[in-house]
Amino acid sequence: MNKNLTQVALSLLALTLIAGCQGTNPGAQVELTNETGIVGGEPIAKNSSLIKHAVGLLILRKDESQTTCSAVIIRKDLILTARHCLTNAKLVYVMFTNDMHSKDYYYLNSTTFISYEKNPDTGKDADLALIKVRGDLAPGYEPINMPTETIRAKPGLDIIHIGFGQSKSIANSPTDEKGWGILRTVKQKVLYMYDIMEKNSQSFVVDQSNLKGICYGDSGGPAYTVSNGKYYLVGINEGTLAGYNKDPNDTDTCHGRSLLVDVFATKKWILDNAAKLQ
């Protein structure tokens, strides 16, 4: 199956949205094929404190195709992810695991979604969506702390990327799974806030030309920062920016820069719409 990647114009940069493309009918056991990790990252163990807020998504589309994304828990019945992950979605399985290939996992079904709609007056937009789920969170999982006025994305901030996506965008062979489906993490820094260039943007940029960062399947996954020993959600993985690879011969689209939604800038939308899904 070919990846269904969306290319959109974003100022003078090309943004590749990074949902992964995956298999067919989930049935009682969710079966995934090898089309969709964090680049240059480390797998997250089941007993790691990093795992307790992050979840994987298997999205069933109206045309019976499916895709995978990453996401984060913001309330015991509410998941935050990237809007483009839910394009034409009819049902979402929220998976509590560090390995989406495993048969040993717990999952919840979605009941409804709300996606961010561009403000016609201000032009503000954000690649965000909320998913309400039915049932209890898996043991050990809990909502992440939201950003504050002082704990938020800003240039130079140390962040922790988390996601289930690929560890590279180019396969070495037709059967190369490219590392998708394993929950990984990598540390990076915020390069700059994108509203410096785009006044209607609510995003920030990360330089991953050191071959560490997000890739296909990491869309919707969280970026944390740490304050006083606690994790705070500062970003949601959105896509990769083309044209920034250090090596001009390197065609891996995950070796340049990435764009993340600024959660503090969109916090009011998140909280207002979370209240609608009580």
Protein backbone atom coordinates (compact mmCIF):
# COMPACT_ATOMS: atom_id res chain seq x y z
CA MET A 1 0.00 0.00 0.00
CA ASN A 2 1.37 3.45 -0.83
CA LYS A 3 1.43 6.11 1.85
CA ASN A 4 -1.31 8.67 1.62
CA LEU A 5 0.80 11.72 2.42
CA THR A 6 -0.68 15.19 2.23
CA GLN A 7 1.44 18.03 0.86
CA VAL A 8 0.30 21.54 1.69
CA ALA A 9 1.80 24.97 1.06
CA LEU A 10 2.89 26.67 4.27
CA SER A 11 4.47 30.06 3.57
CA LEU A 12 7.60 29.22 1.56
CA LEU A 13 8.00 25.79 3.15
CA ALA A 14 6.57 22.42 2.22
CA LEU A 15 4.90 20.64 5.13
CA THR A 16 4.43 16.88 4.98
CA LEU A 17 1.74 15.65 7.34
CA ILE A 18 2.90 12.44 8.91
CA ALA A 19 0.06 10.06 9.56
CA GLY A 20 1.05 6.50 8.69
CA CYS A 21 -0.82 4.30 6.23
CA GLN A 22 -1.82 0.87 7.56
CA GLY A 23 -3.61 -2.41 6.79
CA THR A 24 -7.27 -3.43 6.78
CA ASN A 25 -10.10 -4.84 8.93
CA PRO A 26 -9.25 -4.71 12.64
CA GLY A 27 -11.94 -7.08 13.90
CA ALA A 28 -11.63 -8.19 17.51
CA GLN A 29 -7.84 -8.20 17.23
CA VAL A 30 -6.39 -5.14 15.53
CA GLU A 31 -4.17 -6.38 12.70
CA LEU A 32 -1.63 -3.95 11.23
CA THR A 33 0.50 -4.30 8.12
CA ASN A 34 3.98 -2.95 7.49
CA GLU A 35 3.39 0.47 5.96
CA THR A 36 3.89 2.84 8.82
CA GLY A 37 9.27 5.71 15.01
CA ILE A 38 10.80 8.45 16.06
CA VAL A 39 14.04 8.95 14.08
CA GLY A 40 17.20 8.35 16.11
CA GLY A 41 15.21 7.61 19.26
CA GLU A 42 15.07 4.92 21.91
CA PRO A 43 12.22 2.44 22.54
CA ILE A 44 10.16 3.17 25.65
CA ALA A 45 9.86 0.33 28.16
CA LYS A 46 6.51 -0.69 29.62
CA ASN A 47 7.58 0.47 33.09
CA SER A 48 8.82 3.90 31.93
CA SER A 49 7.13 7.03 33.26
CA LEU A 50 7.05 8.29 29.67
CA ILE A 51 4.50 5.69 28.61
CA LYS A 52 1.68 6.66 30.96
CA HIS A 53 0.35 9.59 28.92
CA ALA A 54 0.96 8.44 25.31
CA VAL A 55 -1.31 6.21 23.22
CA GLY A 56 -1.43 4.84 19.69
CA LEU A 57 -4.37 5.30 17.33
CA LEU A 58 -5.74 2.92 14.74
CA ILE A 59 -8.15 4.96 12.61
CA LEU A 60 -10.77 3.24 10.47
CA ARG A 61 -11.83 5.39 7.54
CA LYS A 62 -15.15 5.64 5.75
CA ASP A 63 -13.65 4.01 2.64
CA GLU A 64 -12.65 0.98 4.79
CA SER A 65 -8.95 1.87 4.68
CA GLN A 66 -7.08 2.54 7.89
CA THR A 67 -4.16 4.53 9.21
CA THR A 68 -2.19 4.90 12.42
CA CYS A 69 -1.19 7.94 14.45
CA SER A 70 0.07 8.83 17.91
CA ALA A 71 -1.81 10.77 20.61
CA VAL A 72 -1.84 11.88 24.24
CA ILE A 73 -4.30 11.60 27.14
CA ILE A 74 -5.52 14.97 28.45
CA ARG A 75 -8.50 13.72 30.49
CA LYS A 76 -9.54 10.24 31.58
CA ASP A 77 -12.02 10.11 28.69
CA LEU A 78 -10.34 12.48 26.22
CA ILE A 79 -7.46 12.11 23.78
CA LEU A 80 -5.66 14.90 21.89
CA THR A 81 -4.13 14.26 18.47
CA ALA A 82 -3.54 15.88 15.07
CA ARG A 83 -6.57 16.85 13.00
CA HIS A 84 -5.23 15.36 9.77
CA CYS A 85 -5.12 11.93 11.44
CA LEU A 86 -8.93 11.91 11.53
CA THR A 87 -9.57 12.79 7.88
CA ASN A 88 -12.61 10.70 6.80
CA ALA A 89 -12.47 8.74 10.07
CA LYS A 90 -15.49 6.75 11.22
CA LEU A 91 -14.01 4.92 14.24
CA VAL A 92 -10.81 5.16 16.27
CA TYR A 93 -9.22 2.49 18.44
CA VAL A 94 -7.09 4.04 21.20
CA MET A 95 -4.30 1.58 22.00
CA PHE A 96 -2.48 1.41 25.34
CA THR A 97 0.82 -0.26 24.56
CA ASN A 98 4.46 0.35 23.72
CA ASP A 99 4.29 -2.03 20.76
CA MET A 100 1.43 -1.87 18.26
CA HIS A 101 2.57 -5.17 16.74
CA SER A 102 1.87 -6.97 20.01
CA LYS A 103 -1.35 -8.88 20.67
CA ASP A 104 -1.06 -8.00 24.34
CA TYR A 105 -2.65 -4.58 24.61
CA TYR A 106 -5.72 -2.79 25.95
CA TYR A 107 -7.81 -0.50 23.77
CA LEU A 108 -10.84 1.79 23.90
CA ASN A 109 -13.25 2.83 21.15
CA SER A 110 -13.95 6.42 20.22
CA THR A 111 -17.46 7.83 20.65
CA THR A 112 -17.06 11.22 18.97
CA PHE A 113 -14.44 13.66 17.62
CA ILE A 114 -14.06 17.43 17.46
CA SER A 115 -11.57 18.97 15.02
CA TYR A 116 -10.14 22.49 15.09
CA GLU A 117 -11.78 24.71 12.47
CA LYS A 118 -9.95 27.69 11.02
CA ASN A 119 -11.20 30.99 12.46
CA PRO A 120 -12.66 32.96 9.52
CA ASP A 121 -12.11 36.27 11.30
CA THR A 122 -8.53 35.90 12.52
CA GLY A 123 -7.26 33.21 10.15
CA LYS A 124 -5.94 31.23 13.10
CA ASP A 125 -5.73 27.51 12.48
CA ALA A 126 -4.27 24.45 14.20
CA ASP A 127 -3.84 20.80 13.30
CA LEU A 128 -5.66 19.49 16.38
CA ALA A 129 -8.52 17.16 17.20
CA LEU A 130 -10.11 15.74 20.33
CA ILE A 131 -11.33 12.15 20.64
CA LYS A 132 -13.78 11.14 23.35
CA VAL A 133 -13.51 7.51 24.43
CA ARG A 134 -15.75 5.08 26.28
CA GLY A 135 -14.37 3.09 29.21
CA ASP A 136 -11.56 3.28 31.74
CA LEU A 137 -7.94 4.03 30.96
CA ALA A 138 -5.55 1.11 31.11
CA PRO A 139 -3.89 0.66 34.53
CA GLY A 140 -0.98 3.04 35.02
CA TYR A 141 -2.14 5.54 32.39
CA GLU A 142 -3.22 9.07 33.29
CA PRO A 143 -3.74 12.54 31.76
CA ILE A 144 -0.74 14.76 31.04
CA ASN A 145 -0.24 18.17 32.68
CA MET A 146 -1.22 21.06 30.43
CA PRO A 147 1.21 23.94 29.79
CA THR A 148 1.16 27.14 31.83
CA GLU A 149 2.19 30.74 31.27
CA THR A 150 5.68 29.88 32.48
CA ILE A 151 5.92 26.23 31.33
CA ARG A 152 5.34 26.40 27.59
CA ALA A 153 7.09 26.11 24.23
CA LYS A 154 9.71 28.79 23.55
CA PRO A 155 12.97 28.94 21.60
CA GLY A 156 15.68 26.82 23.20
CA LEU A 157 13.30 24.78 25.38
CA ASP A 158 14.31 21.16 25.90
CA ILE A 159 11.51 18.86 24.73
CA ILE A 160 10.86 15.13 24.59
CA HIS A 161 9.25 13.77 21.41
CA ILE A 162 7.13 10.61 21.74
CA GLY A 163 5.49 8.58 18.98
CA PHE A 164 4.81 5.26 17.28
CA GLY A 165 6.06 6.32 13.84
CA GLN A 166 8.86 5.20 11.56
CA SER A 167 12.55 5.47 12.38
CA LYS A 168 13.28 6.37 8.74
CA SER A 169 11.25 7.36 5.69
CA ILE A 170 13.15 5.31 3.10
CA ALA A 171 12.91 1.52 2.97
CA ASN A 172 16.00 -0.61 2.31
CA SER A 173 13.84 -3.35 0.77
CA PRO A 174 10.18 -3.99 -0.15
CA THR A 175 9.64 -5.77 3.18
CA ASP A 176 11.42 -3.16 5.31
CA GLU A 177 8.97 -2.09 8.03
CA LYS A 178 11.00 1.07 8.71
CA GLY A 179 10.54 0.82 12.45
CA TRP A 180 6.87 1.80 12.74
CA GLY A 181 4.64 0.74 15.63
CA ILE A 182 7.20 0.85 18.45
CA LEU A 183 6.78 3.67 20.98
CA ARG A 184 10.00 5.67 20.92
CA THR A 185 11.33 8.88 22.40
CA VAL A 186 14.03 11.37 21.54
CA LYS A 187 15.16 14.67 23.08
CA GLN A 188 15.28 17.88 21.04
CA LYS A 189 15.05 21.67 21.42
CA VAL A 190 12.52 24.18 20.13
CA LEU A 191 14.22 26.11 17.31
CA TYR A 192 11.75 28.98 16.91
CA MET A 193 8.07 29.81 17.16
CA TYR A 194 6.56 29.69 13.68
CA ASP A 195 4.43 32.79 14.23
CA ILE A 196 7.63 34.76 13.62
CA MET A 197 7.07 33.89 9.96
CA GLU A 198 3.33 33.18 9.87
CA LYS A 199 1.22 35.52 11.99
CA ASN A 200 -1.74 33.12 11.94
CA SER A 201 0.32 30.10 12.93
CA GLN A 202 0.06 28.48 16.34
CA SER A 203 3.06 26.22 15.87
CA PHE A 204 6.78 25.91 16.54
CA VAL A 205 9.72 24.45 14.63
CA VAL A 206 12.28 21.84 15.69
CA ASP A 207 15.57 21.25 13.86
CA GLN A 208 16.06 17.51 13.36
CA SER A 209 18.88 17.69 10.81
CA ASN A 210 20.95 15.85 13.45
CA LEU A 211 18.85 12.82 12.38
CA LYS A 212 16.75 12.83 15.54
CA GLY A 213 13.04 13.68 15.54
CA ILE A 214 9.58 12.77 14.29
CA CYS A 215 8.61 10.82 11.17
CA TYR A 216 5.60 9.12 9.52
CA GLY A 217 3.17 7.74 12.11
CA ASP A 218 4.27 10.19 14.81
CA SER A 219 1.51 12.66 13.88
CA GLY A 220 -0.59 13.62 16.89
CA GLY A 221 2.01 12.43 19.35
CA PRO A 222 3.12 14.62 22.25
CA ALA A 223 6.14 16.74 22.95
CA TYR A 224 6.77 17.13 26.68
CA THR A 225 8.98 19.32 28.77
CA VAL A 226 9.96 18.56 32.36
CA SER A 227 9.49 20.93 35.29
CA ASN A 228 9.97 19.95 38.94
CA GLY A 229 9.97 16.30 37.98
CA LYS A 230 6.63 16.47 36.14
CA TYR A 231 5.86 16.17 32.42
CA TYR A 232 4.01 19.02 30.74
CA LEU A 233 2.49 18.88 27.26
CA VAL A 234 3.93 21.68 25.09
CA GLY A 235 3.44 20.40 21.54
CA ILE A 236 1.58 18.02 19.25
CA ASN A 237 3.49 16.49 16.33
CA GLU A 238 2.18 17.89 13.05
CA GLY A 239 4.57 17.27 10.16
CA THR A 240 8.02 17.56 8.63
CA LEU A 241 9.37 20.54 6.70
CA ALA A 242 11.20 19.82 3.46
CA GLY A 243 14.38 21.52 2.31
CA TYR A 244 16.46 21.52 5.51
CA ASN A 245 18.52 18.33 5.25
CA LYS A 246 22.22 18.99 5.96
CA ASP A 247 23.29 16.53 3.28
CA PRO A 248 21.93 17.63 -0.14
CA ASN A 249 22.02 14.00 -1.25
CA ASP A 250 19.90 12.85 1.71
CA THR A 251 16.30 12.47 0.51
CA ASP A 252 14.88 11.24 3.82
CA THR A 253 12.07 13.71 4.58
CA CYS A 254 12.48 13.10 8.31
CA HIS A 255 16.05 14.51 8.39
CA GLY A 256 15.24 18.22 8.14
CA ARG A 257 12.90 20.16 10.40
CA SER A 258 9.55 19.42 11.98
CA LEU A 259 6.49 21.47 12.87
CA LEU A 260 4.49 21.04 16.08
CA VAL A 261 1.28 22.65 17.28
CA ASP A 262 1.87 24.98 20.23
CA VAL A 263 -0.42 23.59 22.94
CA PHE A 264 -0.26 26.74 25.08
CA ALA A 265 -1.34 28.91 22.14
CA THR A 266 -4.30 26.58 21.50
CA LYS A 267 -5.09 25.79 25.14
CA LYS A 268 -8.32 27.82 25.18
CA TRP A 269 -9.68 25.89 22.19
CA ILE A 270 -8.69 22.60 23.82
CA LEU A 271 -10.34 23.41 27.15
CA ASP A 272 -13.46 24.97 25.61
CA ASN A 273 -14.08 21.94 23.41
CA ALA A 274 -13.15 19.48 26.13
CA ALA A 275 -15.99 21.02 28.16
CA LYS A 276 -18.38 20.28 25.26
CA LEU A 277 -17.38 16.62 25.50
CA GLN A 278 -18.10 16.19 29.21
